[in-house]
């Protein structure tokens, strides 16, 4: 599946994003296991709530972190997230 910038992004209902105290980081929990996330990945996934498309998500991240030119990196991560089933598009 390829990321479509015109579709809304949602975190998968089959996964759970949460802070894991033991690892001191955010993780994705799913029936088969757990994925540890770095801070950037967690911040991106937190915004995948079904109300934003790629451009809106990038804009919010750039404002939050006071930077620019995040689109390619964010899109690349979202491609991975989509292929792994962590997010869905609608």
Foldseek 3Di string as FASTA:
>chain_A
DAADQVWAKAFFPQWDWDQDPVVRAIWIDHPVGIGGDDPVLSLLNVPRHRPHGLVVSQVVVCVVVVHDDCSVVSSVSVRVCVVVRRMDTD
